[in-house]
Amino acid sequence: MGAMGNTASTADPALETTQTDRVVKKRVLLGIVGDSAAGKTTMTRGIANVFGDDNVTHICTDDYHAYDREARKQMSITPLNPECNYMGIMEQHIRLLAAGEPILKPDYNHSDGTLDAPVLVEPRELVIVEGLLAYHSKAMRDCFDVKVYLDPPEDLRRRWKIDRDTSKRGYEVDQVNADLQRREPDSEAFIRPQRNWADIIVRFHPPSASLDVPPDQLSVRLVLRPTLAHPYLMEIAERTRIEGLLPLRVSLARDRGKPVDVVEIQGSIDPNLSSAVEEAVLEGMSTDLAGLDRSTVGVFRVGEDKLRSESLALTQLLLVVQLLSARANS
């Protein structure tokens, strides 16, 4: 007993310090949740580009599927159902990443629906967690500094899913429609309720009732809940007022009965005007981001075509500002 006590008292202080620092060093965690084909990966990619790949760790919670595609068919279960996922491991991994610890993450192959070998993931300064179920439990929600929910109109999301799954995942249109119908009860039960836990709700939408709008011309509506402070919004809106035009329209509203701030950006915003807003946003960022190349945000692909959306670029930059605020206060 005494020998054990002596060993503890003479432990290397430098080693103790290193271990302590490893555990307590907090990473900034961004969550991006939404239904299948809601735009999560597109949103993630632009934000990661701003910070640089060396500073960002990105994981997808869809990798935590417990069954491959063939097994799900036989079991008549969808990947939107928590019972189809290793939720306990997902929760543990998110908590470890928030604490600065590495994880051995499962890997789901979306191309053929199989489960690949797990991969080692080291958390960098910013950790982006995107997927279907990252806000399912309170323990997971409590790990995030900023929680975003993507909430496009259902008819638009369904179009995006058909386009994606037929062009990238080898499905036929009738197969995607059948899958959407099969998933709808689980979308209603497990995915959409997570909107209630988001700090920021992002809704890209056509400016009119018609869906026949070029994807780079979609407008966006951001619902900003008071769970986070948004002190920069009114200042940016006023500084970018040009000849009576307000590229960012900020207003007070209610979302499901609770007061929120709302930011609206027209998809048809002139690129020169959008550039002026971006410069106003960037002025409030750290100096290492002041020279940001505009080509790093707002970019997405439709098939082989590379497009740029001004509303997407501004949304990504506003989220970056929120993350920088979280980093400064962590």
Protein backbone atom coordinates (compact mmCIF):
# COMPACT_ATOMS: atom_id res chain seq x y z
CA MET A 1 0.00 0.00 0.00
CA GLY A 2 2.82 2.38 0.89
CA ALA A 3 4.73 1.53 -2.27
CA MET A 4 1.73 2.41 -4.38
CA GLY A 5 1.42 5.72 -2.61
CA ASN A 6 5.07 6.55 -3.23
CA THR A 7 4.70 5.76 -6.93
CA ALA A 8 1.82 8.17 -7.23
CA SER A 9 3.64 10.96 -5.41
CA THR A 10 6.72 10.73 -7.61
CA ALA A 11 4.90 10.63 -10.94
CA ASP A 12 6.42 12.80 -13.65
CA PRO A 13 4.72 16.26 -13.38
CA ALA A 14 5.27 16.92 -17.09
CA LEU A 15 3.39 13.74 -17.96
CA GLU A 16 0.53 14.72 -15.67
CA THR A 17 0.29 18.14 -17.26
CA THR A 18 0.24 16.68 -20.76
CA GLN A 19 -2.52 14.23 -19.86
CA THR A 20 -4.57 16.94 -18.15
CA ASP A 21 -4.23 19.32 -21.09
CA ARG A 22 -5.28 16.57 -23.47
CA VAL A 23 -8.49 15.93 -21.57
CA VAL A 24 -9.63 19.46 -20.84
CA LYS A 25 -8.77 21.19 -24.10
CA LYS A 26 -12.14 21.97 -25.65
CA ARG A 27 -12.76 21.85 -29.37
CA VAL A 28 -15.41 23.97 -31.07
CA LEU A 29 -18.19 21.66 -32.27
CA LEU A 30 -20.61 22.57 -35.06
CA GLY A 31 -23.61 20.35 -35.70
CA ILE A 32 -25.36 20.31 -39.08
CA VAL A 33 -28.46 18.12 -39.02
CA GLY A 34 -31.21 17.59 -41.54
CA ASP A 35 -33.07 14.95 -43.49
CA SER A 36 -31.49 13.04 -46.35
CA ALA A 37 -30.39 15.35 -49.20
CA ALA A 38 -31.18 18.52 -47.23
CA GLY A 39 -27.81 20.04 -48.19
CA LYS A 40 -25.71 19.08 -45.16
CA THR A 41 -22.53 18.17 -47.05
CA THR A 42 -22.69 21.28 -49.23
CA MET A 43 -23.03 23.50 -46.17
CA THR A 44 -20.23 21.66 -44.37
CA ARG A 45 -17.80 21.88 -47.28
CA GLY A 46 -17.92 25.68 -47.57
CA ILE A 47 -17.43 26.24 -43.83
CA ALA A 48 -14.53 23.80 -43.75
CA ASN A 49 -12.93 25.61 -46.70
CA VAL A 50 -12.90 28.87 -44.73
CA PHE A 51 -10.99 27.39 -41.80
CA GLY A 52 -8.80 25.13 -43.94
CA ASP A 53 -8.59 21.35 -43.97
CA ASP A 54 -5.70 21.33 -41.48
CA ASN A 55 -7.92 22.97 -38.87
CA VAL A 56 -11.14 21.00 -39.37
CA THR A 57 -12.26 17.49 -38.50
CA HIS A 58 -15.44 16.40 -40.25
CA ILE A 59 -17.47 13.32 -39.37
CA CYS A 60 -20.84 12.10 -40.60
CA THR A 61 -23.17 10.36 -38.16
CA ASP A 62 -24.55 8.29 -41.04
CA ASP A 63 -21.38 6.22 -40.63
CA TYR A 64 -22.91 4.78 -37.46
CA HIS A 65 -25.48 2.64 -39.30
CA ALA A 66 -25.63 -0.72 -37.58
CA TYR A 67 -26.75 -2.59 -40.70
CA ASP A 68 -25.73 -2.48 -44.34
CA ARG A 69 -28.19 -1.69 -47.11
CA GLU A 70 -29.12 -5.32 -47.83
CA ALA A 71 -29.73 -6.11 -44.16
CA ARG A 72 -31.97 -3.04 -43.81
CA LYS A 73 -34.10 -4.25 -46.69
CA GLN A 74 -34.54 -7.65 -45.07
CA MET A 75 -35.35 -6.09 -41.69
CA SER A 76 -37.68 -3.42 -43.16
CA ILE A 77 -35.92 -0.70 -41.17
CA THR A 78 -34.66 2.67 -42.42
CA PRO A 79 -31.37 4.40 -41.47
CA LEU A 80 -33.42 7.29 -40.06
CA ASN A 81 -34.54 5.08 -37.17
CA PRO A 82 -32.26 5.28 -34.11
CA GLU A 83 -32.61 1.50 -33.72
CA CYS A 84 -30.76 1.17 -37.03
CA ASN A 85 -27.75 3.04 -35.66
CA TYR A 86 -25.14 2.60 -32.95
CA MET A 87 -26.50 5.56 -30.99
CA GLY A 88 -24.51 4.81 -27.81
CA ILE A 89 -21.22 4.77 -29.72
CA MET A 90 -22.21 7.90 -31.64
CA GLU A 91 -22.90 9.72 -28.39
CA GLN A 92 -19.65 8.54 -26.84
CA HIS A 93 -17.64 9.60 -29.89
CA ILE A 94 -19.15 13.08 -30.03
CA ARG A 95 -18.34 13.58 -26.35
CA LEU A 96 -14.76 12.36 -26.88
CA LEU A 97 -14.24 14.68 -29.85
CA ALA A 98 -15.53 17.61 -27.82
CA ALA A 99 -12.95 16.75 -25.15
CA GLY A 100 -10.15 16.61 -27.70
CA GLU A 101 -9.83 12.83 -27.74
CA PRO A 102 -9.40 10.66 -30.87
CA ILE A 103 -11.99 8.08 -31.90
CA LEU A 104 -12.09 4.93 -34.02
CA LYS A 105 -15.07 5.82 -36.19
CA PRO A 106 -17.23 3.36 -38.17
CA ASP A 107 -17.30 3.92 -41.93
CA TYR A 108 -20.39 3.46 -44.11
CA ASN A 109 -19.91 3.22 -47.86
CA HIS A 110 -22.72 5.21 -49.50
CA SER A 111 -21.78 4.00 -52.97
CA ASP A 112 -22.68 0.36 -52.37
CA GLY A 113 -24.33 0.47 -48.93
CA THR A 114 -21.73 -1.68 -47.17
CA LEU A 115 -19.88 -1.24 -43.88
CA ASP A 116 -16.15 -0.61 -44.33
CA ALA A 117 -13.32 -0.86 -41.79
CA PRO A 118 -13.32 1.82 -39.04
CA VAL A 119 -10.99 4.79 -39.34
CA LEU A 120 -9.00 6.73 -36.74
CA VAL A 121 -10.19 10.33 -36.37
CA GLU A 122 -8.22 13.00 -34.51
CA PRO A 123 -10.13 16.13 -33.46
CA ARG A 124 -8.75 19.38 -34.81
CA GLU A 125 -9.61 22.93 -33.74
CA LEU A 126 -13.06 22.82 -35.35
CA VAL A 127 -15.11 19.62 -35.42
CA ILE A 128 -18.08 19.52 -37.79
CA VAL A 129 -20.60 16.75 -37.15
CA GLU A 130 -23.19 16.36 -39.88
CA GLY A 131 -25.85 13.76 -40.41
CA LEU A 132 -29.33 12.58 -39.59
CA LEU A 133 -29.42 12.04 -35.82
CA ALA A 134 -26.74 14.14 -34.09
CA TYR A 135 -29.29 15.95 -31.87
CA HIS A 136 -31.23 12.82 -30.90
CA SER A 137 -30.06 12.75 -27.28
CA LYS A 138 -29.48 15.54 -24.78
CA ALA A 139 -25.96 14.26 -24.09
CA MET A 140 -25.06 14.78 -27.76
CA ARG A 141 -26.81 18.15 -28.00
CA ASP A 142 -24.91 19.44 -24.99
CA CYS A 143 -21.58 18.85 -26.77
CA PHE A 144 -22.24 21.36 -29.57
CA ASP A 145 -21.28 25.03 -29.49
CA VAL A 146 -23.47 25.79 -32.53
CA LYS A 147 -26.38 23.64 -33.68
CA VAL A 148 -27.71 24.13 -37.22
CA TYR A 149 -30.75 22.43 -38.73
CA LEU A 150 -31.32 22.46 -42.50
CA ASP A 151 -35.03 22.77 -43.27
CA PRO A 152 -35.71 23.11 -47.02
CA PRO A 153 -39.31 22.74 -48.23
CA GLU A 154 -40.14 19.05 -48.54
CA ASP A 155 -40.87 19.16 -52.27
CA LEU A 156 -37.48 20.78 -52.88
CA ARG A 157 -35.64 18.29 -50.68
CA ARG A 158 -37.30 15.41 -52.48
CA ARG A 159 -36.14 16.80 -55.81
CA TRP A 160 -32.59 17.11 -54.44
CA LYS A 161 -32.70 13.52 -53.21
CA ILE A 162 -33.88 12.19 -56.55
CA ASP A 163 -31.16 14.13 -58.38
CA ARG A 164 -28.44 12.99 -55.98
CA ASP A 165 -29.39 9.34 -55.65
CA THR A 166 -29.87 8.81 -59.38
CA SER A 167 -26.66 10.59 -60.38
CA LYS A 168 -24.32 9.45 -57.58
CA ARG A 169 -25.74 6.32 -55.95
CA GLY A 170 -27.03 4.28 -58.86
CA TYR A 171 -30.76 4.42 -58.14
CA GLU A 172 -33.66 4.76 -60.55
CA VAL A 173 -36.24 7.51 -60.02
CA ASP A 174 -38.99 5.07 -59.01
CA GLN A 175 -36.64 3.48 -56.46
CA VAL A 176 -35.91 6.87 -54.87
CA ASN A 177 -39.61 7.74 -54.71
CA ALA A 178 -40.38 4.40 -53.06
CA ASP A 179 -37.56 4.98 -50.58
CA LEU A 180 -38.90 8.43 -49.74
CA GLN A 181 -42.34 6.97 -49.08
CA ARG A 182 -40.87 4.21 -46.91
CA ARG A 183 -38.81 6.72 -44.91
CA GLU A 184 -41.54 9.29 -44.35
CA PRO A 185 -42.81 7.92 -41.00
CA ASP A 186 -39.27 7.92 -39.60
CA SER A 187 -38.60 11.41 -40.98
CA GLU A 188 -41.67 12.61 -39.12
CA ALA A 189 -40.85 10.71 -35.92
CA PHE A 190 -37.08 11.14 -35.61
CA ILE A 191 -35.58 13.70 -37.99
CA ARG A 192 -37.88 16.73 -38.05
CA PRO A 193 -38.30 16.92 -34.24
CA GLN A 194 -34.58 17.74 -34.03
CA ARG A 195 -35.39 21.14 -35.50
CA ASN A 196 -36.62 22.06 -32.01
CA TRP A 197 -33.08 21.81 -30.62
CA ALA A 198 -31.26 23.91 -33.23
CA ASP A 199 -29.79 27.35 -32.52
CA ILE A 200 -30.00 28.29 -36.21
CA ILE A 201 -32.50 26.97 -38.75
CA VAL A 202 -31.51 27.38 -42.40
CA ARG A 203 -34.20 27.20 -45.07
CA PHE A 204 -33.18 27.55 -48.71
CA HIS A 205 -36.28 28.03 -50.81
CA PRO A 206 -37.48 29.23 -54.23
CA PRO A 207 -38.44 32.92 -54.25
CA SER A 208 -41.87 31.96 -55.65
CA ALA A 209 -44.19 28.97 -55.56
CA SER A 210 -42.48 27.31 -58.52
CA LEU A 211 -39.60 24.87 -58.01
CA ASP A 212 -38.29 25.63 -61.48
CA VAL A 213 -35.63 28.02 -60.24
CA PRO A 214 -31.90 27.66 -60.94
CA PRO A 215 -30.30 26.21 -57.78
CA ASP A 216 -27.90 29.15 -57.54
CA GLN A 217 -30.88 31.52 -57.33
CA LEU A 218 -32.52 30.06 -54.22
CA SER A 219 -33.26 32.51 -51.42
CA VAL A 220 -32.57 31.70 -47.78
CA ARG A 221 -34.32 32.34 -44.49
CA LEU A 222 -32.35 31.97 -41.26
CA VAL A 223 -34.20 31.57 -37.97
CA LEU A 224 -31.86 32.60 -35.13
CA ARG A 225 -32.96 31.48 -31.71
CA PRO A 226 -31.81 33.37 -28.57
CA THR A 227 -29.86 30.31 -27.41
CA LEU A 228 -26.93 32.08 -29.12
CA ALA A 229 -26.08 35.76 -29.22
CA HIS A 230 -26.15 37.43 -32.64
CA PRO A 231 -24.77 40.92 -31.97
CA TYR A 232 -23.25 41.36 -35.43
CA LEU A 233 -26.44 41.12 -37.46
CA MET A 234 -27.92 44.60 -37.19
CA GLU A 235 -24.51 46.20 -37.62
CA ILE A 236 -23.79 44.23 -40.80
CA ALA A 237 -27.27 44.91 -42.14
CA GLU A 238 -26.90 48.66 -41.64
CA ARG A 239 -23.31 48.85 -42.94
CA THR A 240 -24.31 47.13 -46.16
CA ARG A 241 -27.35 49.29 -46.85
CA ILE A 242 -26.82 50.65 -50.37
CA GLU A 243 -29.17 53.24 -51.86
CA GLY A 244 -31.98 52.03 -49.68
CA LEU A 245 -31.36 48.35 -50.43
CA LEU A 246 -30.92 45.91 -47.58
CA PRO A 247 -29.09 42.79 -48.79
CA LEU A 248 -29.63 41.27 -45.34
CA ARG A 249 -33.13 41.84 -44.04
CA VAL A 250 -33.24 41.33 -40.28
CA SER A 251 -36.55 41.23 -38.43
CA LEU A 252 -38.15 39.98 -35.24
CA ALA A 253 -40.59 37.10 -35.55
CA ARG A 254 -41.95 34.08 -33.75
CA ASP A 255 -41.04 30.51 -34.50
CA ARG A 256 -43.48 27.99 -33.07
CA GLY A 257 -44.64 30.59 -30.60
CA LYS A 258 -41.22 31.73 -29.39
CA PRO A 259 -39.42 35.00 -30.27
CA VAL A 260 -36.57 34.75 -32.78
CA ASP A 261 -34.51 36.90 -35.11
CA VAL A 262 -34.96 36.22 -38.81
CA VAL A 263 -32.46 36.98 -41.57
CA GLU A 264 -33.57 36.84 -45.19
CA ILE A 265 -31.28 36.94 -48.22
CA GLN A 266 -32.60 36.98 -51.75
CA GLY A 267 -31.12 34.44 -54.12
CA SER A 268 -31.09 37.02 -56.88
CA ILE A 269 -28.76 39.33 -54.95
CA ASP A 270 -26.25 41.01 -57.26
CA PRO A 271 -22.76 39.49 -56.87
CA ASN A 272 -21.22 42.95 -56.36
CA LEU A 273 -23.67 43.66 -53.58
CA SER A 274 -23.07 40.23 -52.09
CA SER A 275 -19.32 40.92 -52.20
CA ALA A 276 -19.83 44.12 -50.20
CA VAL A 277 -21.76 42.18 -47.56
CA GLU A 278 -19.05 39.52 -47.43
CA GLU A 279 -16.40 42.20 -46.88
CA ALA A 280 -18.45 43.64 -44.02
CA VAL A 281 -18.70 40.18 -42.49
CA LEU A 282 -15.01 39.47 -42.96
CA GLU A 283 -13.97 42.72 -41.28
CA GLY A 284 -15.25 41.31 -38.01
CA MET A 285 -13.26 38.11 -38.35
CA SER A 286 -9.76 37.30 -37.17
CA THR A 287 -6.89 38.62 -39.26
CA ASP A 288 -5.98 35.17 -40.59
CA LEU A 289 -9.34 35.06 -42.39
CA ALA A 290 -9.36 38.65 -43.57
CA GLY A 291 -7.95 37.75 -46.99
CA LEU A 292 -10.45 34.98 -47.63
CA ASP A 293 -10.83 33.98 -51.27
CA ARG A 294 -14.50 34.29 -52.22
CA SER A 295 -14.23 31.08 -54.22
CA THR A 296 -14.04 29.07 -50.99
CA VAL A 297 -17.70 29.70 -50.09
CA GLY A 298 -21.01 29.44 -51.89
CA VAL A 299 -19.76 26.82 -54.33
CA PHE A 300 -21.58 23.58 -55.11
CA ARG A 301 -21.96 21.12 -57.96
CA VAL A 302 -24.93 20.00 -60.00
CA GLY A 303 -23.72 17.05 -62.01
CA GLU A 304 -20.52 18.19 -63.70
CA ASP A 305 -21.39 21.89 -63.39
CA LYS A 306 -19.75 24.01 -60.69
CA LEU A 307 -22.08 26.78 -59.51
CA ARG A 308 -21.93 29.60 -56.99
CA SER A 309 -24.83 30.78 -54.85
CA GLU A 310 -24.57 34.21 -53.23
CA SER A 311 -27.17 33.32 -50.59
CA LEU A 312 -25.26 30.14 -49.74
CA ALA A 313 -21.96 32.03 -49.50
CA LEU A 314 -23.39 34.60 -47.11
CA THR A 315 -25.06 31.91 -45.00
CA GLN A 316 -21.78 30.03 -44.67
CA LEU A 317 -19.94 33.21 -43.66
CA LEU A 318 -22.54 34.11 -41.05
CA LEU A 319 -22.13 30.64 -39.56
CA VAL A 320 -18.35 31.14 -39.57
CA VAL A 321 -18.79 34.34 -37.55
CA GLN A 322 -20.84 32.38 -35.03
CA LEU A 323 -18.12 29.73 -34.78
CA LEU A 324 -15.42 32.35 -34.29
CA SER A 325 -17.46 33.81 -31.45
CA ALA A 326 -17.74 30.35 -29.89
CA ARG A 327 -13.99 29.83 -30.25
CA ALA A 328 -13.25 33.17 -28.59
CA ASN A 329 -15.49 32.30 -25.65
CA SER A 330 -14.35 28.68 -25.20
